[in-house]
Amino acid sequence: MIKLICLSLIWCFKWPYYEFKYWMKIIRKKFNSQEEQYVEFQNN
């Protein structure tokens, strides 16, 4: 029983962390692609 509680606690802390990293990656990708488009636009 205690083991289960410990596991669920670890899971509760780890899951949002990975979720956050995942979203940061996506946001950074979007931001980078927008920046590149902006640079291309300036060059033309």
PDB file of N, CA and C in Angstrom:
ATOM      1  N   MET A   1       0.837  -1.204   0.000  1.00  0.00           N
ATOM      2  CA  MET A   1       0.000   0.000   0.000  1.00  0.00           C
ATOM      3  C   MET A   1       0.871   1.254   0.000  1.00  0.00           C
ATOM      4  N   ILE A   2       1.851   1.290   0.893  1.00  0.00           N
ATOM      5  CA  ILE A   2       2.750   2.449   0.964  1.00  0.00           C
ATOM      6  C   ILE A   2       3.513   2.603  -0.349  1.00  0.00           C
ATOM      7  N   LYS A   3       3.904   1.467  -0.894  1.00  0.00           N
ATOM      8  CA  LYS A   3       4.632   1.482  -2.162  1.00  0.00           C
ATOM      9  C   LYS A   3       3.785   2.138  -3.255  1.00  0.00           C
ATOM     10  N   LEU A   4       2.514   1.810  -3.259  1.00  0.00           N
ATOM     11  CA  LEU A   4       1.586   2.362  -4.246  1.00  0.00           C
ATOM     12  C   LEU A   4       1.493   3.883  -4.098  1.00  0.00           C
ATOM     13  N   ILE A   5       1.396   4.340  -2.874  1.00  0.00           N
ATOM     14  CA  ILE A   5       1.316   5.781  -2.618  1.00  0.00           C
ATOM     15  C   ILE A   5       2.586   6.475  -3.104  1.00  0.00           C
ATOM     16  N   CYS A   6       3.725   5.882  -2.803  1.00  0.00           N
ATOM     17  CA  CYS A   6       5.002   6.449  -3.254  1.00  0.00           C
ATOM     18  C   CYS A   6       5.058   6.518  -4.771  1.00  0.00           C
ATOM     19  N   LEU A   7       4.641   5.457  -5.420  1.00  0.00           N
ATOM     20  CA  LEU A   7       4.648   5.426  -6.882  1.00  0.00           C
ATOM     21  C   LEU A   7       3.738   6.495  -7.459  1.00  0.00           C
ATOM     22  N   SER A   8       2.558   6.620  -6.905  1.00  0.00           N
ATOM     23  CA  SER A   8       1.620   7.615  -7.422  1.00  0.00           C
ATOM     24  C   SER A   8       2.160   9.030  -7.202  1.00  0.00           C
ATOM     25  N   LEU A   9       2.833   9.246  -6.089  1.00  0.00           N
ATOM     26  CA  LEU A   9       3.433  10.560  -5.830  1.00  0.00           C
ATOM     27  C   LEU A   9       4.516  10.867  -6.857  1.00  0.00           C
ATOM     28  N   ILE A  10       5.384   9.900  -7.081  1.00  0.00           N
ATOM     29  CA  ILE A  10       6.450  10.074  -8.073  1.00  0.00           C
ATOM     30  C   ILE A  10       5.842  10.357  -9.440  1.00  0.00           C
ATOM     31  N   TRP A  11       4.828   9.603  -9.780  1.00  0.00           N
ATOM     32  CA  TRP A  11       4.165   9.763 -11.076  1.00  0.00           C
ATOM     33  C   TRP A  11       3.556  11.155 -11.193  1.00  0.00           C
ATOM     34  N   CYS A  12       2.924  11.608 -10.118  1.00  0.00           N
ATOM     35  CA  CYS A  12       2.289  12.931 -10.131  1.00  0.00           C
ATOM     36  C   CYS A  12       3.310  14.043 -10.324  1.00  0.00           C
ATOM     37  N   PHE A  13       4.511  13.851  -9.833  1.00  0.00           N
ATOM     38  CA  PHE A  13       5.534  14.878 -10.009  1.00  0.00           C
ATOM     39  C   PHE A  13       6.232  14.773 -11.355  1.00  0.00           C
ATOM     40  N   LYS A  14       6.454  13.555 -11.800  1.00  0.00           N
ATOM     41  CA  LYS A  14       7.197  13.363 -13.051  1.00  0.00           C
ATOM     42  C   LYS A  14       6.361  13.687 -14.274  1.00  0.00           C
ATOM     43  N   TRP A  15       5.107  13.286 -14.255  1.00  0.00           N
ATOM     44  CA  TRP A  15       4.270  13.442 -15.447  1.00  0.00           C
ATOM     45  C   TRP A  15       4.158  14.906 -15.875  1.00  0.00           C
ATOM     46  N   PRO A  16       3.797  15.846 -14.975  1.00  0.00           N
ATOM     47  CA  PRO A  16       3.704  17.252 -15.401  1.00  0.00           C
ATOM     48  C   PRO A  16       5.046  17.780 -15.896  1.00  0.00           C
ATOM     49  N   TYR A  17       6.119  17.282 -15.320  1.00  0.00           N
ATOM     50  CA  TYR A  17       7.448  17.726 -15.740  1.00  0.00           C
ATOM     51  C   TYR A  17       7.706  17.349 -17.198  1.00  0.00           C
ATOM     52  N   TYR A  18       7.411  16.106 -17.549  1.00  0.00           N
ATOM     53  CA  TYR A  18       7.618  15.680 -18.935  1.00  0.00           C
ATOM     54  C   TYR A  18       6.631  16.371 -19.866  1.00  0.00           C
ATOM     55  N   GLU A  19       5.428  16.540 -19.407  1.00  0.00           N
ATOM     56  CA  GLU A  19       4.402  17.233 -20.182  1.00  0.00           C
ATOM     57  C   GLU A  19       4.885  18.656 -20.483  1.00  0.00           C
ATOM     58  N   PHE A  20       5.433  19.298 -19.470  1.00  0.00           N
ATOM     59  CA  PHE A  20       5.924  20.666 -19.612  1.00  0.00           C
ATOM     60  C   PHE A  20       7.072  20.734 -20.620  1.00  0.00           C
ATOM     61  N   LYS A  21       8.005  19.801 -20.513  1.00  0.00           N
ATOM     62  CA  LYS A  21       9.131  19.762 -21.456  1.00  0.00           C
ATOM     63  C   LYS A  21       8.628  19.578 -22.880  1.00  0.00           C
ATOM     64  N   TYR A  22       7.628  18.712 -23.024  1.00  0.00           N
ATOM     65  CA  TYR A  22       7.055  18.422 -24.338  1.00  0.00           C
ATOM     66  C   TYR A  22       6.446  19.683 -24.947  1.00  0.00           C
ATOM     67  N   TRP A  23       5.669  20.400 -24.154  1.00  0.00           N
ATOM     68  CA  TRP A  23       5.039  21.622 -24.667  1.00  0.00           C
ATOM     69  C   TRP A  23       6.067  22.705 -24.953  1.00  0.00           C
ATOM     70  N   MET A  24       7.079  22.786 -24.118  1.00  0.00           N
ATOM     71  CA  MET A  24       8.126  23.784 -24.357  1.00  0.00           C
ATOM     72  C   MET A  24       8.800  23.515 -25.697  1.00  0.00           C
ATOM     73  N   LYS A  25       9.026  22.265 -26.018  1.00  0.00           N
ATOM     74  CA  LYS A  25       9.647  21.883 -27.281  1.00  0.00           C
ATOM     75  C   LYS A  25       8.782  22.351 -28.450  1.00  0.00           C
ATOM     76  N   ILE A  26       7.486  22.090 -28.345  1.00  0.00           N
ATOM     77  CA  ILE A  26       6.553  22.477 -29.412  1.00  0.00           C
ATOM     78  C   ILE A  26       6.508  23.997 -29.559  1.00  0.00           C
ATOM     79  N   ILE A  27       6.408  24.684 -28.430  1.00  0.00           N
ATOM     80  CA  ILE A  27       6.341  26.151 -28.468  1.00  0.00           C
ATOM     81  C   ILE A  27       7.620  26.718 -29.066  1.00  0.00           C
ATOM     82  N   ARG A  28       8.747  26.175 -28.669  1.00  0.00           N
ATOM     83  CA  ARG A  28      10.029  26.647 -29.190  1.00  0.00           C
ATOM     84  C   ARG A  28      10.099  26.418 -30.697  1.00  0.00           C
ATOM     85  N   LYS A  29       9.620  25.280 -31.161  1.00  0.00           N
ATOM     86  CA  LYS A  29       9.610  24.971 -32.590  1.00  0.00           C
ATOM     87  C   LYS A  29       8.788  26.002 -33.350  1.00  0.00           C
ATOM     88  N   LYS A  30       7.599  26.270 -32.845  1.00  0.00           N
ATOM     89  CA  LYS A  30       6.716  27.246 -33.491  1.00  0.00           C
ATOM     90  C   LYS A  30       7.387  28.610 -33.511  1.00  0.00           C
ATOM     91  N   PHE A  31       7.953  28.989 -32.395  1.00  0.00           N
ATOM     92  CA  PHE A  31       8.599  30.291 -32.275  1.00  0.00           C
ATOM     93  C   PHE A  31       9.764  30.398 -33.256  1.00  0.00           C
ATOM     94  N   ASN A  32      10.557  29.356 -33.358  1.00  0.00           N
ATOM     95  CA  ASN A  32      11.699  29.344 -34.271  1.00  0.00           C
ATOM     96  C   ASN A  32      11.251  29.450 -35.718  1.00  0.00           C
ATOM     97  N   SER A  33      10.219  28.732 -36.082  1.00  0.00           N
ATOM     98  CA  SER A  33       9.757  28.769 -37.465  1.00  0.00           C
ATOM     99  C   SER A  33       9.214  30.160 -37.800  1.00  0.00           C
ATOM    100  N   GLN A  34       8.565  30.799 -36.854  1.00  0.00           N
ATOM    101  CA  GLN A  34       8.077  32.163 -37.078  1.00  0.00           C
ATOM    102  C   GLN A  34       9.255  33.111 -37.258  1.00  0.00           C
ATOM    103  N   GLU A  35      10.269  32.934 -36.456  1.00  0.00           N
ATOM    104  CA  GLU A  35      11.454  33.782 -36.553  1.00  0.00           C
ATOM    105  C   GLU A  35      12.113  33.629 -37.914  1.00  0.00           C
ATOM    106  N   GLU A  36      12.238  32.415 -38.382  1.00  0.00           N
ATOM    107  CA  GLU A  36      12.857  32.160 -39.685  1.00  0.00           C
ATOM    108  C   GLU A  36      12.061  32.824 -40.796  1.00  0.00           C
ATOM    109  N   GLN A  37      10.752  32.725 -40.731  1.00  0.00           N
ATOM    110  CA  GLN A  37       9.903  33.362 -41.734  1.00  0.00           C
ATOM    111  C   GLN A  37      10.131  34.872 -41.712  1.00  0.00           C
ATOM    112  N   TYR A  38      10.251  35.414 -40.530  1.00  0.00           N
ATOM    113  CA  TYR A  38      10.454  36.849 -40.379  1.00  0.00           C
ATOM    114  C   TYR A  38      11.782  37.275 -41.008  1.00  0.00           C
ATOM    115  N   VAL A  39      12.814  36.479 -40.780  1.00  0.00           N
ATOM    116  CA  VAL A  39      14.131  36.770 -41.352  1.00  0.00           C
ATOM    117  C   VAL A  39      14.060  36.692 -42.876  1.00  0.00           C
ATOM    118  N   GLU A  40      13.406  35.674 -43.401  1.00  0.00           N
ATOM    119  CA  GLU A  40      13.257  35.542 -44.852  1.00  0.00           C
ATOM    120  C   GLU A  40      12.520  36.739 -45.417  1.00  0.00           C
ATOM    121  N   PHE A  41      11.518  37.163 -44.721  1.00  0.00           N
ATOM    122  CA  PHE A  41      10.713  38.298 -45.165  1.00  0.00           C
ATOM    123  C   PHE A  41      11.574  39.562 -45.233  1.00  0.00           C
ATOM    124  N   GLN A  42      12.436  39.737 -44.259  1.00  0.00           N
ATOM    125  CA  GLN A  42      13.317  40.912 -44.232  1.00  0.00           C
ATOM    126  C   GLN A  42      14.329  40.859 -45.375  1.00  0.00           C
ATOM    127  N   ASN A  43      14.793  39.682 -45.703  1.00  0.00           N
ATOM    128  CA  ASN A  43      15.818  39.545 -46.736  1.00  0.00           C
ATOM    129  C   ASN A  43      15.285  39.872 -48.126  1.00  0.00           C
ATOM    130  N   ASN A  44      14.010  39.644 -48.362  1.00  0.00           N
ATOM    131  CA  ASN A  44      13.445  39.848 -49.697  1.00  0.00           C
ATOM    132  C   ASN A  44      13.216  41.295 -50.040  1.00  0.00           C
TER     133      ASN A  44
END
